[in-house]
Amino acid sequence: MCRLQSLLRLLILLVAVAGFAPAVAQQEVPVPQLTARVTDTSGTLDQGQKEALEAKLKALEENKGAQVFVLMVPTVQPDTVESYARRVFDQWKVGRANVDDGILFLIAKDDRRMRLEVGYGLEGAVPDALASRIINDYVAPHFKTNDYAGGVNAGVTALVSLIENEALPAPEKRAAAGSDEFDEGLFGALGPMLMFGFFLIAFFPPIISAVAAGVMLFAITGSIILAGLAAIAALVISGIARKVVPRGAVRGARRNGTILGGGLGGLGGGFGAGRGGRGGGGFGGGGFGGG
């Protein structure tokens, strides 16, 4: 009798393990790498449709600073759409740091589920009630007729309209900031060389000055045209300088070694500045799961 009970318990245990094994073997869906504002791993949207959505979301980010990312996947199982959206939102760092003005528009096509994961900074613009309306009234009708591109576009258009009316911190002028850094670095590099070039032009024969100026500018800019213009300018300026500066002063400077001895002292600086990194961030707030 005891042996029969032991066998029965073993059988029950084996059945339980067999039922649990598929769930263990089924791994969670990985989060795709963020390479664009619109990511479709299901292959539903064509390139033109993705580019149109991308342009709309890029314009929003440039104008308002807020980030909206679209992700369409075949399935999120064994995750729920809520937990997978949270995972993607955190890993992608949707929204600006300390502003948290990001939204993830997630569509699980084969699961027939979707979700808007909204950052805290946009919960005023897109509260749960409006998120529900966007999903059910704007997106779902298109999806029911297999018009996925139309549904995603309708949802994105509604989100953009709401965000554009929200008061948000001004977006960073990345291009302008980069230009300032470039100008500062370029001036730091060119300043000492321009000083050296002045002495070169003033105290050396025109042909040597022209060649040296052209070579230096080509090394800095990589432009043959600018190098040629620099050579011509050096030729003209050197000719004028030789008429203005007394020849005796030139010979004396060469003989005493003051031309190159003092003129190169400033070349040691100007190259140390580097660019700092820009951190991302974002912690999602409310959202609405729809189907």
C-alpha atoms as a PDB file:
ATOM      1  CA  MET A   1       0.000   0.000   0.000  1.00  0.00           C
ATOM      2  CA  CYS A   2       2.796   2.380   0.930  1.00  0.00           C
ATOM      3  CA  ARG A   3       4.579   1.514  -2.270  1.00  0.00           C
ATOM      4  CA  LEU A   4       1.447   2.280  -4.310  1.00  0.00           C
ATOM      5  CA  GLN A   5       1.074   5.673  -2.620  1.00  0.00           C
ATOM      6  CA  SER A   6       4.704   6.496  -3.360  1.00  0.00           C
ATOM      7  CA  LEU A   7       4.257   5.628  -7.023  1.00  0.00           C
ATOM      8  CA  LEU A   8       1.104   7.748  -7.176  1.00  0.00           C
ATOM      9  CA  ARG A   9       2.896  10.735  -5.673  1.00  0.00           C
ATOM     10  CA  LEU A  10       5.766  10.305  -8.131  1.00  0.00           C
ATOM     11  CA  LEU A  11       3.307  10.220 -11.026  1.00  0.00           C
ATOM     12  CA  ILE A  12       1.620  13.414  -9.853  1.00  0.00           C
ATOM     13  CA  LEU A  13       5.014  15.087  -9.522  1.00  0.00           C
ATOM     14  CA  LEU A  14       6.029  14.056 -13.038  1.00  0.00           C
ATOM     15  CA  VAL A  15       2.772  15.390 -14.481  1.00  0.00           C
ATOM     16  CA  ALA A  16       3.261  18.703 -12.684  1.00  0.00           C
ATOM     17  CA  VAL A  17       6.852  19.017 -13.914  1.00  0.00           C
ATOM     18  CA  ALA A  18       5.802  18.161 -17.468  1.00  0.00           C
ATOM     19  CA  GLY A  19       3.164  20.882 -17.399  1.00  0.00           C
ATOM     20  CA  PHE A  20       5.571  23.436 -15.975  1.00  0.00           C
ATOM     21  CA  ALA A  21       8.447  22.707 -18.356  1.00  0.00           C
ATOM     22  CA  PRO A  22       7.031  24.499 -21.456  1.00  0.00           C
ATOM     23  CA  ALA A  23       6.474  27.668 -19.442  1.00  0.00           C
ATOM     24  CA  VAL A  24      10.061  27.564 -18.202  1.00  0.00           C
ATOM     25  CA  ALA A  25      11.413  26.848 -21.678  1.00  0.00           C
ATOM     26  CA  GLN A  26       9.524  29.797 -23.191  1.00  0.00           C
ATOM     27  CA  GLN A  27      11.885  32.732 -22.825  1.00  0.00           C
ATOM     28  CA  GLU A  28      10.778  36.330 -22.592  1.00  0.00           C
ATOM     29  CA  VAL A  29      10.828  38.435 -25.742  1.00  0.00           C
ATOM     30  CA  PRO A  30      14.063  40.471 -25.884  1.00  0.00           C
ATOM     31  CA  VAL A  31      13.936  44.239 -26.145  1.00  0.00           C
ATOM     32  CA  PRO A  32      15.118  45.290 -29.623  1.00  0.00           C
ATOM     33  CA  GLN A  33      17.971  47.738 -29.977  1.00  0.00           C
ATOM     34  CA  LEU A  34      16.868  51.353 -30.266  1.00  0.00           C
ATOM     35  CA  THR A  35      18.006  52.597 -33.677  1.00  0.00           C
ATOM     36  CA  ALA A  36      15.038  54.746 -34.747  1.00  0.00           C
ATOM     37  CA  ARG A  37      11.876  56.319 -33.406  1.00  0.00           C
ATOM     38  CA  VAL A  38       9.822  53.701 -35.257  1.00  0.00           C
ATOM     39  CA  THR A  39      10.768  50.032 -34.831  1.00  0.00           C
ATOM     40  CA  ASP A  40       8.773  47.224 -36.449  1.00  0.00           C
ATOM     41  CA  THR A  41      10.056  43.704 -35.850  1.00  0.00           C
ATOM     42  CA  SER A  42       6.852  42.218 -37.273  1.00  0.00           C
ATOM     43  CA  GLY A  43       7.579  43.446 -40.816  1.00  0.00           C
ATOM     44  CA  THR A  44       4.154  45.070 -41.088  1.00  0.00           C
ATOM     45  CA  LEU A  45       5.105  48.635 -42.019  1.00  0.00           C
ATOM     46  CA  ASP A  46       6.958  49.337 -45.237  1.00  0.00           C
ATOM     47  CA  GLN A  47       9.942  51.680 -45.449  1.00  0.00           C
ATOM     48  CA  GLY A  48       7.936  54.646 -46.706  1.00  0.00           C
ATOM     49  CA  GLN A  49       5.419  54.348 -43.881  1.00  0.00           C
ATOM     50  CA  LYS A  50       8.161  54.136 -41.275  1.00  0.00           C
ATOM     51  CA  GLU A  51       9.973  57.132 -42.741  1.00  0.00           C
ATOM     52  CA  ALA A  52       6.791  59.238 -42.684  1.00  0.00           C
ATOM     53  CA  LEU A  53       6.198  58.410 -39.024  1.00  0.00           C
ATOM     54  CA  GLU A  54       9.862  58.977 -38.227  1.00  0.00           C
ATOM     55  CA  ALA A  55       9.765  62.459 -39.782  1.00  0.00           C
ATOM     56  CA  LYS A  56       6.681  63.395 -37.765  1.00  0.00           C
ATOM     57  CA  LEU A  57       8.201  62.227 -34.483  1.00  0.00           C
ATOM     58  CA  LYS A  58      11.545  63.856 -35.237  1.00  0.00           C
ATOM     59  CA  ALA A  59       9.824  67.198 -35.838  1.00  0.00           C
ATOM     60  CA  LEU A  60       7.998  66.838 -32.517  1.00  0.00           C
ATOM     61  CA  GLU A  61      11.224  66.178 -30.634  1.00  0.00           C
ATOM     62  CA  GLU A  62      12.984  69.108 -32.295  1.00  0.00           C
ATOM     63  CA  ASN A  63      10.097  71.494 -31.557  1.00  0.00           C
ATOM     64  CA  LYS A  64       9.049  70.359 -28.072  1.00  0.00           C
ATOM     65  CA  GLY A  65      11.818  68.108 -26.806  1.00  0.00           C
ATOM     66  CA  ALA A  66       9.404  65.269 -26.013  1.00  0.00           C
ATOM     67  CA  GLN A  67      10.126  61.793 -27.357  1.00  0.00           C
ATOM     68  CA  VAL A  68       7.556  59.382 -28.766  1.00  0.00           C
ATOM     69  CA  PHE A  69       8.740  55.938 -29.858  1.00  0.00           C
ATOM     70  CA  VAL A  70       6.677  53.372 -31.754  1.00  0.00           C
ATOM     71  CA  LEU A  71       7.395  49.668 -31.346  1.00  0.00           C
ATOM     72  CA  MET A  72       5.472  46.954 -33.190  1.00  0.00           C
ATOM     73  CA  VAL A  73       6.308  43.336 -32.355  1.00  0.00           C
ATOM     74  CA  PRO A  74       4.600  40.048 -33.275  1.00  0.00           C
ATOM     75  CA  THR A  75       4.091  39.051 -29.631  1.00  0.00           C
ATOM     76  CA  VAL A  76       5.193  39.932 -26.116  1.00  0.00           C
ATOM     77  CA  GLN A  77       4.386  36.521 -24.624  1.00  0.00           C
ATOM     78  CA  PRO A  78       5.059  35.151 -22.074  1.00  0.00           C
ATOM     79  CA  ASP A  79       5.076  38.768 -20.833  1.00  0.00           C
ATOM     80  CA  THR A  80       1.963  40.853 -20.568  1.00  0.00           C
ATOM     81  CA  VAL A  81       1.777  43.936 -22.745  1.00  0.00           C
ATOM     82  CA  GLU A  82       2.038  46.045 -19.576  1.00  0.00           C
ATOM     83  CA  SER A  83       5.220  44.430 -18.237  1.00  0.00           C
ATOM     84  CA  TYR A  84       6.905  44.328 -21.655  1.00  0.00           C
ATOM     85  CA  ALA A  85       6.096  48.002 -22.274  1.00  0.00           C
ATOM     86  CA  ARG A  86       7.603  48.849 -18.901  1.00  0.00           C
ATOM     87  CA  ARG A  87      10.731  46.885 -19.743  1.00  0.00           C
ATOM     88  CA  VAL A  88      11.165  48.589 -23.119  1.00  0.00           C
ATOM     89  CA  PHE A  89      10.442  52.018 -21.657  1.00  0.00           C
ATOM     90  CA  ASP A  90      13.130  51.625 -19.020  1.00  0.00           C
ATOM     91  CA  GLN A  91      15.739  50.074 -21.308  1.00  0.00           C
ATOM     92  CA  TRP A  92      15.258  52.666 -24.049  1.00  0.00           C
ATOM     93  CA  LYS A  93      15.234  55.505 -21.491  1.00  0.00           C
ATOM     94  CA  VAL A  94      12.287  57.143 -23.219  1.00  0.00           C
ATOM     95  CA  GLY A  95      12.057  60.886 -22.550  1.00  0.00           C
ATOM     96  CA  ARG A  96      14.537  63.472 -21.381  1.00  0.00           C
ATOM     97  CA  ALA A  97      16.289  63.048 -18.053  1.00  0.00           C
ATOM     98  CA  ASN A  98      14.667  65.084 -15.249  1.00  0.00           C
ATOM     99  CA  VAL A  99      11.726  65.863 -17.558  1.00  0.00           C
ATOM    100  CA  ASP A 100      10.462  62.340 -18.291  1.00  0.00           C
ATOM    101  CA  ASP A 101       8.518  63.562 -21.305  1.00  0.00           C
ATOM    102  CA  GLY A 102       8.434  60.337 -23.270  1.00  0.00           C
ATOM    103  CA  ILE A 103       5.775  57.973 -24.594  1.00  0.00           C
ATOM    104  CA  LEU A 104       6.131  54.422 -25.851  1.00  0.00           C
ATOM    105  CA  PHE A 105       3.425  53.298 -28.290  1.00  0.00           C
ATOM    106  CA  LEU A 106       3.603  49.506 -28.177  1.00  0.00           C
ATOM    107  CA  ILE A 107       1.668  47.214 -30.528  1.00  0.00           C
ATOM    108  CA  ALA A 108       1.746  43.434 -30.082  1.00  0.00           C
ATOM    109  CA  LYS A 109       0.225  42.529 -33.432  1.00  0.00           C
ATOM    110  CA  ASP A 110      -0.461  38.798 -33.041  1.00  0.00           C
ATOM    111  CA  ASP A 111      -1.574  39.256 -29.428  1.00  0.00           C
ATOM    112  CA  ARG A 112      -4.018  41.944 -30.596  1.00  0.00           C
ATOM    113  CA  ARG A 113      -2.910  44.133 -27.740  1.00  0.00           C
ATOM    114  CA  MET A 114      -1.463  47.634 -27.534  1.00  0.00           C
ATOM    115  CA  ARG A 115      -0.389  50.061 -24.874  1.00  0.00           C
ATOM    116  CA  LEU A 116       0.628  53.659 -24.411  1.00  0.00           C
ATOM    117  CA  GLU A 117       3.319  53.897 -21.737  1.00  0.00           C
ATOM    118  CA  VAL A 118       3.404  57.539 -20.682  1.00  0.00           C
ATOM    119  CA  GLY A 119       6.190  59.259 -18.750  1.00  0.00           C
ATOM    120  CA  TYR A 120       5.310  61.330 -15.700  1.00  0.00           C
ATOM    121  CA  GLY A 121       6.191  64.545 -17.510  1.00  0.00           C
ATOM    122  CA  LEU A 122       3.422  63.969 -20.075  1.00  0.00           C
ATOM    123  CA  GLU A 123       0.670  62.621 -17.832  1.00  0.00           C
ATOM    124  CA  GLY A 124      -0.910  66.067 -17.880  1.00  0.00           C
ATOM    125  CA  ALA A 125      -1.029  66.098 -21.677  1.00  0.00           C
ATOM    126  CA  VAL A 126      -1.946  62.420 -22.099  1.00  0.00           C
ATOM    127  CA  PRO A 127      -3.861  61.207 -19.026  1.00  0.00           C
ATOM    128  CA  ASP A 128      -5.296  57.692 -18.884  1.00  0.00           C
ATOM    129  CA  ALA A 129      -8.676  58.827 -20.202  1.00  0.00           C
ATOM    130  CA  LEU A 130      -7.176  60.360 -23.332  1.00  0.00           C
ATOM    131  CA  ALA A 131      -4.811  57.419 -23.815  1.00  0.00           C
ATOM    132  CA  SER A 132      -7.840  55.121 -23.718  1.00  0.00           C
ATOM    133  CA  ARG A 133      -9.645  57.252 -26.255  1.00  0.00           C
ATOM    134  CA  ILE A 134      -6.673  57.314 -28.624  1.00  0.00           C
ATOM    135  CA  ILE A 135      -6.389  53.531 -28.514  1.00  0.00           C
ATOM    136  CA  ASN A 136     -10.080  52.710 -28.788  1.00  0.00           C
ATOM    137  CA  ASP A 137     -11.357  55.528 -31.017  1.00  0.00           C
ATOM    138  CA  TYR A 138      -8.381  56.383 -33.229  1.00  0.00           C
ATOM    139  CA  VAL A 139      -6.199  53.291 -33.531  1.00  0.00           C
ATOM    140  CA  ALA A 140      -8.397  50.221 -33.019  1.00  0.00           C
ATOM    141  CA  PRO A 141     -10.846  50.939 -35.888  1.00  0.00           C
ATOM    142  CA  HIS A 142      -7.940  50.884 -38.361  1.00  0.00           C
ATOM    143  CA  PHE A 143      -6.436  47.741 -36.852  1.00  0.00           C
ATOM    144  CA  LYS A 144      -9.758  45.887 -37.120  1.00  0.00           C
ATOM    145  CA  THR A 145      -9.562  46.305 -40.900  1.00  0.00           C
ATOM    146  CA  ASN A 146      -5.849  45.360 -40.965  1.00  0.00           C
ATOM    147  CA  ASP A 147      -4.891  48.963 -41.721  1.00  0.00           C
ATOM    148  CA  TYR A 148      -1.964  48.967 -39.321  1.00  0.00           C
ATOM    149  CA  ALA A 149      -0.132  51.862 -40.938  1.00  0.00           C
ATOM    150  CA  GLY A 150      -3.271  53.996 -40.771  1.00  0.00           C
ATOM    151  CA  GLY A 151      -3.852  53.069 -37.144  1.00  0.00           C
ATOM    152  CA  VAL A 152      -0.317  53.843 -36.045  1.00  0.00           C
ATOM    153  CA  ASN A 153      -0.390  57.128 -37.944  1.00  0.00           C
ATOM    154  CA  ALA A 154      -3.720  58.093 -36.358  1.00  0.00           C
ATOM    155  CA  GLY A 155      -2.359  57.348 -32.896  1.00  0.00           C
ATOM    156  CA  VAL A 156       0.869  59.249 -33.504  1.00  0.00           C
ATOM    157  CA  THR A 157      -1.003  62.240 -34.936  1.00  0.00           C
ATOM    158  CA  ALA A 158      -3.256  62.392 -31.870  1.00  0.00           C
ATOM    159  CA  LEU A 159      -0.287  62.164 -29.500  1.00  0.00           C
ATOM    160  CA  VAL A 160       1.638  64.867 -31.346  1.00  0.00           C
ATOM    161  CA  SER A 161      -1.391  67.174 -31.207  1.00  0.00           C
ATOM    162  CA  LEU A 162      -1.734  66.738 -27.443  1.00  0.00           C
ATOM    163  CA  ILE A 163       1.978  67.162 -26.723  1.00  0.00           C
ATOM    164  CA  GLU A 164       2.285  70.298 -28.846  1.00  0.00           C
ATOM    165  CA  ASN A 165      -0.213  72.031 -26.544  1.00  0.00           C
ATOM    166  CA  GLU A 166       1.711  71.056 -23.396  1.00  0.00           C
ATOM    167  CA  ALA A 167       4.119  73.466 -21.691  1.00  0.00           C
ATOM    168  CA  LEU A 168       7.488  71.697 -21.672  1.00  0.00           C
ATOM    169  CA  PRO A 169      11.096  72.811 -21.167  1.00  0.00           C
ATOM    170  CA  ALA A 170      12.639  74.043 -24.393  1.00  0.00           C
ATOM    171  CA  PRO A 171      14.518  71.376 -26.363  1.00  0.00           C
ATOM    172  CA  GLU A 172      18.277  71.451 -26.458  1.00  0.00           C
ATOM    173  CA  LYS A 173      19.772  73.097 -29.515  1.00  0.00           C
ATOM    174  CA  ARG A 174      22.133  70.217 -30.200  1.00  0.00           C
ATOM    175  CA  ALA A 175      23.365  71.454 -33.561  1.00  0.00           C
ATOM    176  CA  ALA A 176      24.087  74.940 -32.235  1.00  0.00           C
ATOM    177  CA  ALA A 177      25.865  73.559 -29.197  1.00  0.00           C
ATOM    178  CA  GLY A 178      27.955  71.310 -31.405  1.00  0.00           C
ATOM    179  CA  SER A 179      28.832  74.230 -33.664  1.00  0.00           C
ATOM    180  CA  ASP A 180      29.985  76.281 -30.676  1.00  0.00           C
ATOM    181  CA  GLU A 181      32.188  73.446 -29.492  1.00  0.00           C
ATOM    182  CA  PHE A 182      33.588  73.018 -32.982  1.00  0.00           C
ATOM    183  CA  ASP A 183      34.256  76.731 -33.385  1.00  0.00           C
ATOM    184  CA  GLU A 184      35.958  76.911 -29.996  1.00  0.00           C
ATOM    185  CA  GLY A 185      38.116  73.897 -30.729  1.00  0.00           C
ATOM    186  CA  LEU A 186      38.951  75.111 -34.204  1.00  0.00           C
ATOM    187  CA  PHE A 187      39.938  78.547 -32.912  1.00  0.00           C
ATOM    188  CA  GLY A 188      42.125  76.939 -30.262  1.00  0.00           C
ATOM    189  CA  ALA A 189      43.897  74.963 -32.959  1.00  0.00           C
ATOM    190  CA  LEU A 190      44.093  77.759 -35.523  1.00  0.00           C
ATOM    191  CA  GLY A 191      45.092  80.613 -33.194  1.00  0.00           C
ATOM    192  CA  PRO A 192      48.722  79.604 -32.643  1.00  0.00           C
ATOM    193  CA  MET A 193      49.064  78.546 -36.288  1.00  0.00           C
ATOM    194  CA  LEU A 194      47.792  81.915 -37.477  1.00  0.00           C
ATOM    195  CA  MET A 195      50.361  83.639 -35.276  1.00  0.00           C
ATOM    196  CA  PHE A 196      53.072  81.429 -36.730  1.00  0.00           C
ATOM    197  CA  GLY A 197      51.733  82.118 -40.215  1.00  0.00           C
ATOM    198  CA  PHE A 198      51.959  85.874 -39.633  1.00  0.00           C
ATOM    199  CA  PHE A 199      55.662  85.634 -38.834  1.00  0.00           C
ATOM    200  CA  LEU A 200      56.195  83.259 -41.737  1.00  0.00           C
ATOM    201  CA  ILE A 201      54.506  85.592 -44.199  1.00  0.00           C
ATOM    202  CA  ALA A 202      56.222  88.689 -42.869  1.00  0.00           C
ATOM    203  CA  PHE A 203      59.798  87.451 -42.765  1.00  0.00           C
ATOM    204  CA  PHE A 204      60.178  84.766 -45.441  1.00  0.00           C
ATOM    205  CA  PRO A 205      60.187  84.970 -49.241  1.00  0.00           C
ATOM    206  CA  PRO A 206      56.693  85.043 -50.794  1.00  0.00           C
ATOM    207  CA  ILE A 207      56.973  81.643 -52.489  1.00  0.00           C
ATOM    208  CA  ILE A 208      57.959  79.902 -49.221  1.00  0.00           C
ATOM    209  CA  SER A 209      55.187  81.694 -47.348  1.00  0.00           C
ATOM    210  CA  ALA A 210      52.608  80.690 -49.964  1.00  0.00           C
ATOM    211  CA  VAL A 211      53.603  77.014 -49.938  1.00  0.00           C
ATOM    212  CA  ALA A 212      53.707  76.863 -46.139  1.00  0.00           C
ATOM    213  CA  ALA A 213      50.313  78.570 -45.763  1.00  0.00           C
ATOM    214  CA  GLY A 214      48.694  76.251 -48.299  1.00  0.00           C
ATOM    215  CA  VAL A 215      50.116  73.122 -46.683  1.00  0.00           C
ATOM    216  CA  MET A 216      49.073  74.201 -43.176  1.00  0.00           C
ATOM    217  CA  LEU A 217      45.479  75.027 -44.155  1.00  0.00           C
ATOM    218  CA  PHE A 218      45.107  71.825 -46.137  1.00  0.00           C
ATOM    219  CA  ALA A 219      46.314  69.847 -43.119  1.00  0.00           C
ATOM    220  CA  ILE A 220      43.704  71.546 -40.926  1.00  0.00           C
ATOM    221  CA  THR A 221      40.673  71.636 -43.238  1.00  0.00           C
ATOM    222  CA  GLY A 222      41.403  69.009 -45.888  1.00  0.00           C
ATOM    223  CA  SER A 223      40.153  71.460 -48.525  1.00  0.00           C
ATOM    224  CA  ILE A 224      42.290  72.031 -51.613  1.00  0.00           C
ATOM    225  CA  ILE A 225      40.307  75.156 -52.493  1.00  0.00           C
ATOM    226  CA  LEU A 226      40.905  76.765 -49.094  1.00  0.00           C
ATOM    227  CA  ALA A 227      44.545  75.743 -49.243  1.00  0.00           C
ATOM    228  CA  GLY A 228      44.906  77.413 -52.650  1.00  0.00           C
ATOM    229  CA  LEU A 229      43.219  80.594 -51.427  1.00  0.00           C
ATOM    230  CA  ALA A 230      45.495  80.627 -48.379  1.00  0.00           C
ATOM    231  CA  ALA A 231      48.550  80.267 -50.599  1.00  0.00           C
ATOM    232  CA  ILE A 232      47.439  83.176 -52.808  1.00  0.00           C
ATOM    233  CA  ALA A 233      46.666  85.340 -49.766  1.00  0.00           C
ATOM    234  CA  ALA A 234      50.048  84.503 -48.233  1.00  0.00           C
ATOM    235  CA  LEU A 235      51.794  85.378 -51.483  1.00  0.00           C
ATOM    236  CA  VAL A 236      50.117  88.796 -51.630  1.00  0.00           C
ATOM    237  CA  ILE A 237      50.544  89.594 -47.929  1.00  0.00           C
ATOM    238  CA  SER A 238      54.164  88.476 -47.949  1.00  0.00           C
ATOM    239  CA  GLY A 239      54.889  90.749 -50.882  1.00  0.00           C
ATOM    240  CA  ILE A 240      53.273  93.694 -49.107  1.00  0.00           C
ATOM    241  CA  ALA A 241      55.018  92.883 -45.829  1.00  0.00           C
ATOM    242  CA  ARG A 242      58.430  92.824 -47.477  1.00  0.00           C
ATOM    243  CA  LYS A 243      57.806  96.344 -48.754  1.00  0.00           C
ATOM    244  CA  VAL A 244      56.562  97.617 -45.389  1.00  0.00           C
ATOM    245  CA  VAL A 245      59.029  95.883 -43.024  1.00  0.00           C
ATOM    246  CA  PRO A 246      62.635  97.137 -43.388  1.00  0.00           C
ATOM    247  CA  ARG A 247      64.961  94.505 -44.799  1.00  0.00           C
ATOM    248  CA  GLY A 248      67.460  95.169 -42.053  1.00  0.00           C
ATOM    249  CA  ALA A 249      64.911  94.203 -39.429  1.00  0.00           C
ATOM    250  CA  VAL A 250      64.178  90.969 -41.251  1.00  0.00           C
ATOM    251  CA  ARG A 251      67.870  90.019 -41.524  1.00  0.00           C
ATOM    252  CA  GLY A 252      68.460  90.940 -37.892  1.00  0.00           C
ATOM    253  CA  ALA A 253      65.540  88.862 -36.719  1.00  0.00           C
ATOM    254  CA  ARG A 254      66.749  85.858 -38.708  1.00  0.00           C
ATOM    255  CA  ARG A 255      70.290  86.247 -37.423  1.00  0.00           C
ATOM    256  CA  ASN A 256      69.201  86.528 -33.779  1.00  0.00           C
ATOM    257  CA  GLY A 257      66.770  83.630 -34.051  1.00  0.00           C
ATOM    258  CA  THR A 258      63.795  85.621 -32.730  1.00  0.00           C
ATOM    259  CA  ILE A 259      61.411  84.728 -35.526  1.00  0.00           C
ATOM    260  CA  LEU A 260      60.993  81.027 -34.870  1.00  0.00           C
ATOM    261  CA  GLY A 261      62.320  80.995 -31.328  1.00  0.00           C
ATOM    262  CA  GLY A 262      59.441  82.994 -29.851  1.00  0.00           C
ATOM    263  CA  GLY A 263      56.800  82.375 -32.431  1.00  0.00           C
ATOM    264  CA  LEU A 264      56.324  78.672 -31.711  1.00  0.00           C
ATOM    265  CA  GLY A 265      55.732  78.969 -27.993  1.00  0.00           C
ATOM    266  CA  GLY A 266      51.954  79.039 -28.274  1.00  0.00           C
ATOM    267  CA  LEU A 267      51.611  75.844 -30.276  1.00  0.00           C
ATOM    268  CA  GLY A 268      51.575  73.670 -27.196  1.00  0.00           C
ATOM    269  CA  GLY A 269      47.969  74.523 -26.221  1.00  0.00           C
ATOM    270  CA  GLY A 270      44.579  74.522 -27.814  1.00  0.00           C
ATOM    271  CA  PHE A 271      44.040  70.784 -28.287  1.00  0.00           C
ATOM    272  CA  GLY A 272      43.069  69.640 -24.820  1.00  0.00           C
ATOM    273  CA  ALA A 273      39.313  70.290 -24.864  1.00  0.00           C
ATOM    274  CA  GLY A 274      37.018  67.316 -25.240  1.00  0.00           C
ATOM    275  CA  ARG A 275      33.306  66.803 -25.589  1.00  0.00           C
ATOM    276  CA  GLY A 276      31.210  65.642 -22.675  1.00  0.00           C
ATOM    277  CA  GLY A 277      28.579  62.940 -22.940  1.00  0.00           C
ATOM    278  CA  ARG A 278      24.863  63.485 -22.681  1.00  0.00           C
ATOM    279  CA  GLY A 279      23.022  61.184 -20.321  1.00  0.00           C
ATOM    280  CA  GLY A 280      19.594  59.764 -20.952  1.00  0.00           C
ATOM    281  CA  GLY A 281      16.829  59.028 -18.463  1.00  0.00           C
ATOM    282  CA  GLY A 282      13.136  58.598 -17.916  1.00  0.00           C
ATOM    283  CA  PHE A 283      10.811  56.738 -15.578  1.00  0.00           C
ATOM    284  CA  GLY A 284       7.411  55.887 -16.963  1.00  0.00           C
ATOM    285  CA  GLY A 285       4.190  56.869 -15.327  1.00  0.00           C
ATOM    286  CA  GLY A 286       0.685  55.806 -16.204  1.00  0.00           C
ATOM    287  CA  GLY A 287      -0.517  54.163 -19.348  1.00  0.00           C
ATOM    288  CA  PHE A 288      -3.519  52.337 -20.731  1.00  0.00           C
ATOM    289  CA  GLY A 289      -3.692  48.830 -22.076  1.00  0.00           C
ATOM    290  CA  GLY A 290      -6.124  48.312 -24.898  1.00  0.00           C
ATOM    291  CA  GLY A 291      -7.010  45.685 -27.283  1.00  0.00           C
END
